[in-house]
Amino acid sequence: MHAFPRLSAWPHRLGLLALACALSACSHLAAVPHPPTDAPGTAPSDAGAAPARLALQGQLSLKLLAWQDLPAKGLSLGFFFSGHTDQGLLDLMTPLGTLMAQVGWHADEAWVVNQEGRQAYPTLDELSRQTLGEALPLRSLVHWMQGQPDPTQPSTPGDQAGVFEQAGWHIDTREIAEQRIQATRSANEQQRAIHIKVYLDR
């Protein structure tokens, strides 16, 4: 089954609109092989502790609200995630299913592959910051899509079951049975508000 607060000058040059234009140029991107189950140097020391591999597919809606002199921007993509939080591959597609780009990561590196080739980054945060203008919690999002907090970070339960706060985000998984979750980051003097909606395929 096929399944991503500091502000710099990047949002002015590499915001969501620029990303959409860049990705649209990749409509004929050749498929890139998914990383092996245990890539060299990424396997855990205790094989019995290896996290279960996942396959998640659906639609991702990302909205950056207007903030200071930055306009509101939005992007809707299909996605296919395979792997786990320590090593994974995220295929990004148009809503009609055309492959546009692929994001991958393991313990020591993150990268994006598109028509222009492969660009590496030291972390997923840096990758999303330099391509989207904002650092997005892609690793934590894998956990949130399963209806649970990221176990590597503190979280606070909300007033209702299925709602919690984590890493500055408000996560609502009350519709997880309908394969929908939402994650919202509020705006303040240092960061803009972001709203993420995920619709998982059954």
C-alpha atoms as a PDB file:
ATOM      1  CA  MET A   1       0.000   0.000   0.000  1.00  0.00           C
ATOM      2  CA  HIS A   2       1.394   3.445  -1.026  1.00  0.00           C
ATOM      3  CA  ALA A   3       1.316   6.067   1.639  1.00  0.00           C
ATOM      4  CA  PHE A   4       6.152  15.746   5.710  1.00  0.00           C
ATOM      5  CA  PRO A   5      10.624  28.623  14.960  1.00  0.00           C
ATOM      6  CA  ARG A   6      12.768  30.396  13.474  1.00  0.00           C
ATOM      7  CA  LEU A   7      12.085  32.431  10.375  1.00  0.00           C
ATOM      8  CA  SER A   8      14.838  33.349   7.945  1.00  0.00           C
ATOM      9  CA  ALA A   9      14.972  34.725   4.429  1.00  0.00           C
ATOM     10  CA  TRP A  10      14.130  31.275   3.074  1.00  0.00           C
ATOM     11  CA  PRO A  11      10.333  31.693   3.210  1.00  0.00           C
ATOM     12  CA  HIS A  12      10.627  34.645   0.842  1.00  0.00           C
ATOM     13  CA  ARG A  13      12.474  32.553  -1.741  1.00  0.00           C
ATOM     14  CA  LEU A  14      11.593  28.921  -1.100  1.00  0.00           C
ATOM     15  CA  GLY A  15       8.078  29.001   0.286  1.00  0.00           C
ATOM     16  CA  LEU A  16       5.300  26.606  -0.600  1.00  0.00           C
ATOM     17  CA  LEU A  17       4.581  28.303  -3.913  1.00  0.00           C
ATOM     18  CA  ALA A  18       8.196  27.860  -5.005  1.00  0.00           C
ATOM     19  CA  LEU A  19       8.134  24.270  -3.795  1.00  0.00           C
ATOM     20  CA  ALA A  20       4.986  23.538  -5.779  1.00  0.00           C
ATOM     21  CA  CYS A  21       6.614  24.960  -8.904  1.00  0.00           C
ATOM     22  CA  ALA A  22       9.767  22.936  -8.317  1.00  0.00           C
ATOM     23  CA  LEU A  23       7.840  19.751  -7.711  1.00  0.00           C
ATOM     24  CA  SER A  24       5.642  20.246 -10.739  1.00  0.00           C
ATOM     25  CA  ALA A  25       8.780  20.094 -12.876  1.00  0.00           C
ATOM     26  CA  CYS A  26       9.294  16.541 -11.619  1.00  0.00           C
ATOM     27  CA  SER A  27       6.209  14.968 -13.178  1.00  0.00           C
ATOM     28  CA  HIS A  28       8.406  12.527 -15.095  1.00  0.00           C
ATOM     29  CA  LEU A  29      10.631  11.661 -12.155  1.00  0.00           C
ATOM     30  CA  ALA A  30      11.901   8.128 -12.470  1.00  0.00           C
ATOM     31  CA  ALA A  31      11.158   5.858  -9.544  1.00  0.00           C
ATOM     32  CA  VAL A  32      13.958   5.751  -6.986  1.00  0.00           C
ATOM     33  CA  PRO A  33      14.399   2.434  -5.147  1.00  0.00           C
ATOM     34  CA  HIS A  34      13.205   2.454  -1.565  1.00  0.00           C
ATOM     35  CA  PRO A  35      15.977   2.070   1.013  1.00  0.00           C
ATOM     36  CA  PRO A  36      16.680  -1.493   2.122  1.00  0.00           C
ATOM     37  CA  THR A  37      15.207  -2.666   5.392  1.00  0.00           C
ATOM     38  CA  ASP A  38      18.571  -2.305   7.107  1.00  0.00           C
ATOM     39  CA  ALA A  39      20.796   0.112   5.231  1.00  0.00           C
ATOM     40  CA  PRO A  40      24.498  -0.038   6.147  1.00  0.00           C
ATOM     41  CA  GLY A  41      25.207   1.903   9.305  1.00  0.00           C
ATOM     42  CA  THR A  42      21.535   2.381  10.202  1.00  0.00           C
ATOM     43  CA  ALA A  43      20.597  -0.952  11.735  1.00  0.00           C
ATOM     44  CA  PRO A  44      20.016  -0.858  15.485  1.00  0.00           C
ATOM     45  CA  SER A  45      22.597  -2.604  17.649  1.00  0.00           C
ATOM     46  CA  ASP A  46      19.872  -4.865  19.037  1.00  0.00           C
ATOM     47  CA  ALA A  47      18.091  -6.408  16.072  1.00  0.00           C
ATOM     48  CA  GLY A  48      15.223  -7.451  18.320  1.00  0.00           C
ATOM     49  CA  ALA A  49      14.539  -3.789  19.104  1.00  0.00           C
ATOM     50  CA  ALA A  50      14.113  -2.756  15.460  1.00  0.00           C
ATOM     51  CA  PRO A  51      10.907  -0.742  15.012  1.00  0.00           C
ATOM     52  CA  ALA A  52       8.152  -2.215  12.882  1.00  0.00           C
ATOM     53  CA  ARG A  53       8.088  -1.022   9.289  1.00  0.00           C
ATOM     54  CA  LEU A  54       4.997   0.865   8.184  1.00  0.00           C
ATOM     55  CA  ALA A  55       3.214   1.610   4.930  1.00  0.00           C
ATOM     56  CA  LEU A  56       0.960   4.668   5.077  1.00  0.00           C
ATOM     57  CA  GLN A  57      -0.859   6.241   2.144  1.00  0.00           C
ATOM     58  CA  GLY A  58      -3.175   9.203   1.816  1.00  0.00           C
ATOM     59  CA  GLN A  59      -3.528  12.938   1.228  1.00  0.00           C
ATOM     60  CA  LEU A  60      -1.629  15.672   3.051  1.00  0.00           C
ATOM     61  CA  SER A  61      -2.967  19.217   3.269  1.00  0.00           C
ATOM     62  CA  LEU A  62      -0.538  21.859   4.533  1.00  0.00           C
ATOM     63  CA  LYS A  63      -1.598  25.447   5.237  1.00  0.00           C
ATOM     64  CA  LEU A  64       0.751  28.216   6.371  1.00  0.00           C
ATOM     65  CA  LEU A  65      -1.313  31.119   7.671  1.00  0.00           C
ATOM     66  CA  ALA A  66      -0.469  34.737   6.885  1.00  0.00           C
ATOM     67  CA  TRP A  67       2.117  36.109   9.321  1.00  0.00           C
ATOM     68  CA  GLN A  68       3.829  39.492   9.466  1.00  0.00           C
ATOM     69  CA  ASP A  69       4.638  40.300   5.822  1.00  0.00           C
ATOM     70  CA  LEU A  70       4.231  36.684   4.633  1.00  0.00           C
ATOM     71  CA  PRO A  71       1.025  35.725   2.785  1.00  0.00           C
ATOM     72  CA  ALA A  72      -0.962  32.602   3.513  1.00  0.00           C
ATOM     73  CA  LYS A  73       0.082  29.581   1.459  1.00  0.00           C
ATOM     74  CA  GLY A  74      -1.310  26.115   1.007  1.00  0.00           C
ATOM     75  CA  LEU A  75      -0.320  22.835  -0.598  1.00  0.00           C
ATOM     76  CA  SER A  76      -2.167  19.560  -1.080  1.00  0.00           C
ATOM     77  CA  LEU A  77      -0.273  16.391  -1.977  1.00  0.00           C
ATOM     78  CA  GLY A  78      -0.754  12.675  -2.123  1.00  0.00           C
ATOM     79  CA  PHE A  79       1.833  10.682  -0.199  1.00  0.00           C
ATOM     80  CA  PHE A  80       3.140   7.188   0.347  1.00  0.00           C
ATOM     81  CA  PHE A  81       5.327   6.593   3.399  1.00  0.00           C
ATOM     82  CA  SER A  82       7.275   3.373   3.873  1.00  0.00           C
ATOM     83  CA  GLY A  83       9.736   2.545   6.644  1.00  0.00           C
ATOM     84  CA  HIS A  84       9.759   3.816  10.217  1.00  0.00           C
ATOM     85  CA  THR A  85      10.684   6.998  12.045  1.00  0.00           C
ATOM     86  CA  ASP A  86      14.441   6.269  11.997  1.00  0.00           C
ATOM     87  CA  GLN A  87      14.618   5.277   8.331  1.00  0.00           C
ATOM     88  CA  GLY A  88      11.949   6.016   5.799  1.00  0.00           C
ATOM     89  CA  LEU A  89      10.961   7.141   2.343  1.00  0.00           C
ATOM     90  CA  LEU A  90       8.155   9.581   1.585  1.00  0.00           C
ATOM     91  CA  ASP A  91       6.871   9.747  -1.993  1.00  0.00           C
ATOM     92  CA  LEU A  92       5.084  13.021  -2.787  1.00  0.00           C
ATOM     93  CA  MET A  93       2.494  13.011  -5.565  1.00  0.00           C
ATOM     94  CA  THR A  94      -0.074  15.232  -7.197  1.00  0.00           C
ATOM     95  CA  PRO A  95      -3.664  14.566  -6.045  1.00  0.00           C
ATOM     96  CA  LEU A  96      -4.002  12.524  -9.273  1.00  0.00           C
ATOM     97  CA  GLY A  97      -1.111  10.271  -8.287  1.00  0.00           C
ATOM     98  CA  THR A  98       1.775  11.576 -10.422  1.00  0.00           C
ATOM     99  CA  LEU A  99       5.088  11.224  -8.615  1.00  0.00           C
ATOM    100  CA  MET A 100       6.697  14.634  -8.060  1.00  0.00           C
ATOM    101  CA  ALA A 101       9.505  14.096  -5.551  1.00  0.00           C
ATOM    102  CA  GLN A 102      10.796  11.726  -2.916  1.00  0.00           C
ATOM    103  CA  VAL A 103      12.062  12.516   0.552  1.00  0.00           C
ATOM    104  CA  GLY A 104      14.164   9.961   2.412  1.00  0.00           C
ATOM    105  CA  TRP A 105      16.055   9.760   5.657  1.00  0.00           C
ATOM    106  CA  HIS A 106      18.047   7.571   8.012  1.00  0.00           C
ATOM    107  CA  ALA A 107      19.839   8.279  11.272  1.00  0.00           C
ATOM    108  CA  ASP A 108      22.572  10.519   9.799  1.00  0.00           C
ATOM    109  CA  GLU A 109      21.061  12.166   6.731  1.00  0.00           C
ATOM    110  CA  ALA A 110      17.925  13.378   4.984  1.00  0.00           C
ATOM    111  CA  TRP A 111      17.566  13.959   1.252  1.00  0.00           C
ATOM    112  CA  VAL A 112      15.153  14.932  -1.477  1.00  0.00           C
ATOM    113  CA  VAL A 113      15.222  13.506  -5.013  1.00  0.00           C
ATOM    114  CA  ASN A 114      13.610  15.349  -7.914  1.00  0.00           C
ATOM    115  CA  GLN A 115      14.203  16.093 -11.593  1.00  0.00           C
ATOM    116  CA  GLU A 116      17.323  18.058 -10.695  1.00  0.00           C
ATOM    117  CA  GLY A 117      18.906  15.167  -8.799  1.00  0.00           C
ATOM    118  CA  ARG A 118      19.540  14.370  -5.153  1.00  0.00           C
ATOM    119  CA  GLN A 119      20.081  17.058  -2.503  1.00  0.00           C
ATOM    120  CA  ALA A 120      21.229  15.978   0.976  1.00  0.00           C
ATOM    121  CA  TYR A 121      20.613  17.719   4.323  1.00  0.00           C
ATOM    122  CA  PRO A 122      21.925  16.935   7.822  1.00  0.00           C
ATOM    123  CA  THR A 123      18.420  16.579   9.327  1.00  0.00           C
ATOM    124  CA  LEU A 124      14.771  16.380   8.339  1.00  0.00           C
ATOM    125  CA  ASP A 125      14.152  19.700  10.084  1.00  0.00           C
ATOM    126  CA  GLU A 126      16.777  21.350   7.907  1.00  0.00           C
ATOM    127  CA  LEU A 127      15.373  19.723   4.784  1.00  0.00           C
ATOM    128  CA  SER A 128      11.857  21.022   5.423  1.00  0.00           C
ATOM    129  CA  ARG A 129      13.144  24.418   6.556  1.00  0.00           C
ATOM    130  CA  GLN A 130      15.108  24.984   3.355  1.00  0.00           C
ATOM    131  CA  THR A 131      12.481  23.584   0.971  1.00  0.00           C
ATOM    132  CA  LEU A 132       9.294  24.758   2.700  1.00  0.00           C
ATOM    133  CA  GLY A 133      10.531  27.697   4.720  1.00  0.00           C
ATOM    134  CA  GLU A 134       9.447  26.005   7.970  1.00  0.00           C
ATOM    135  CA  ALA A 135      10.748  23.070   9.988  1.00  0.00           C
ATOM    136  CA  LEU A 136       7.983  20.457  10.073  1.00  0.00           C
ATOM    137  CA  PRO A 137       7.832  17.504  12.507  1.00  0.00           C
ATOM    138  CA  LEU A 138       7.932  14.774   9.860  1.00  0.00           C
ATOM    139  CA  ARG A 139       9.230  12.059  12.195  1.00  0.00           C
ATOM    140  CA  SER A 140       6.610  12.848  14.837  1.00  0.00           C
ATOM    141  CA  LEU A 141       3.935  12.989  12.135  1.00  0.00           C
ATOM    142  CA  VAL A 142       4.512   9.286  11.461  1.00  0.00           C
ATOM    143  CA  HIS A 143       3.480   8.586  15.078  1.00  0.00           C
ATOM    144  CA  TRP A 144       0.593  11.062  14.974  1.00  0.00           C
ATOM    145  CA  MET A 145      -0.808   9.343  11.884  1.00  0.00           C
ATOM    146  CA  GLN A 146      -1.065   6.208  14.025  1.00  0.00           C
ATOM    147  CA  GLY A 147      -3.068   8.119  16.638  1.00  0.00           C
ATOM    148  CA  GLN A 148      -0.336   8.352  19.264  1.00  0.00           C
ATOM    149  CA  PRO A 149       2.283  10.840  20.508  1.00  0.00           C
ATOM    150  CA  ASP A 150       5.919  10.550  19.513  1.00  0.00           C
ATOM    151  CA  PRO A 151       7.403   8.449  22.370  1.00  0.00           C
ATOM    152  CA  THR A 152      10.757  10.240  22.108  1.00  0.00           C
ATOM    153  CA  GLN A 153       9.291  13.594  23.198  1.00  0.00           C
ATOM    154  CA  PRO A 154       7.184  14.763  26.147  1.00  0.00           C
ATOM    155  CA  SER A 155       3.462  15.155  25.499  1.00  0.00           C
ATOM    156  CA  THR A 156       0.497  16.489  27.449  1.00  0.00           C
ATOM    157  CA  PRO A 157      -3.003  14.949  27.209  1.00  0.00           C
ATOM    158  CA  GLY A 158      -5.810  17.276  26.180  1.00  0.00           C
ATOM    159  CA  ASP A 159      -9.252  17.650  27.715  1.00  0.00           C
ATOM    160  CA  GLN A 160     -10.660  14.997  25.371  1.00  0.00           C
ATOM    161  CA  ALA A 161      -9.465  11.523  24.480  1.00  0.00           C
ATOM    162  CA  GLY A 162      -7.401  11.546  21.301  1.00  0.00           C
ATOM    163  CA  VAL A 163      -6.203  15.135  21.761  1.00  0.00           C
ATOM    164  CA  PHE A 164      -2.712  16.006  23.017  1.00  0.00           C
ATOM    165  CA  GLU A 165       0.006  18.650  22.902  1.00  0.00           C
ATOM    166  CA  GLN A 166       3.538  17.866  21.777  1.00  0.00           C
ATOM    167  CA  ALA A 167       6.569  19.924  20.715  1.00  0.00           C
ATOM    168  CA  GLY A 168       4.467  23.082  20.406  1.00  0.00           C
ATOM    169  CA  TRP A 169       1.779  21.353  18.322  1.00  0.00           C
ATOM    170  CA  HIS A 170      -1.867  20.600  19.110  1.00  0.00           C
ATOM    171  CA  ILE A 171      -2.707  17.165  17.702  1.00  0.00           C
ATOM    172  CA  ASP A 172      -6.291  15.976  17.232  1.00  0.00           C
ATOM    173  CA  THR A 173      -6.704  12.255  16.489  1.00  0.00           C
ATOM    174  CA  ARG A 174     -10.381  11.977  17.464  1.00  0.00           C
ATOM    175  CA  GLU A 175     -11.262  11.049  13.881  1.00  0.00           C
ATOM    176  CA  ILE A 176      -8.561   8.389  13.575  1.00  0.00           C
ATOM    177  CA  ALA A 177     -11.276   5.739  13.059  1.00  0.00           C
ATOM    178  CA  GLU A 178     -12.244   7.681   9.924  1.00  0.00           C
ATOM    179  CA  GLN A 179      -8.555   7.853   8.974  1.00  0.00           C
ATOM    180  CA  ARG A 180      -8.222  11.602   9.628  1.00  0.00           C
ATOM    181  CA  ILE A 181      -5.908  13.558  11.934  1.00  0.00           C
ATOM    182  CA  GLN A 182      -5.069  17.241  12.348  1.00  0.00           C
ATOM    183  CA  ALA A 183      -2.037  19.025  13.774  1.00  0.00           C
ATOM    184  CA  THR A 184      -1.934  22.760  14.471  1.00  0.00           C
ATOM    185  CA  ARG A 185       0.866  25.079  15.546  1.00  0.00           C
ATOM    186  CA  SER A 186      -0.213  28.490  16.841  1.00  0.00           C
ATOM    187  CA  ALA A 187       1.457  31.717  15.790  1.00  0.00           C
ATOM    188  CA  ASN A 188       3.542  33.894  18.078  1.00  0.00           C
ATOM    189  CA  GLU A 189       6.182  36.597  17.662  1.00  0.00           C
ATOM    190  CA  GLN A 190       8.770  34.075  16.422  1.00  0.00           C
ATOM    191  CA  GLN A 191       6.712  31.766  14.202  1.00  0.00           C
ATOM    192  CA  ARG A 192       3.721  31.597  11.901  1.00  0.00           C
ATOM    193  CA  ALA A 193       0.710  29.337  12.419  1.00  0.00           C
ATOM    194  CA  ILE A 194       0.607  26.046  10.533  1.00  0.00           C
ATOM    195  CA  HIS A 195      -2.298  23.665  10.055  1.00  0.00           C
ATOM    196  CA  ILE A 196      -1.732  20.102   8.817  1.00  0.00           C
ATOM    197  CA  LYS A 197      -4.540  17.726   7.818  1.00  0.00           C
ATOM    198  CA  VAL A 198      -3.904  14.084   6.955  1.00  0.00           C
ATOM    199  CA  TYR A 199      -6.445  11.847   5.228  1.00  0.00           C
ATOM    200  CA  LEU A 200      -5.314   8.239   5.234  1.00  0.00           C
ATOM    201  CA  ASP A 201      -6.566   5.765   2.658  1.00  0.00           C
ATOM    202  CA  ARG A 202      -8.378   2.725   3.974  1.00  0.00           C
END
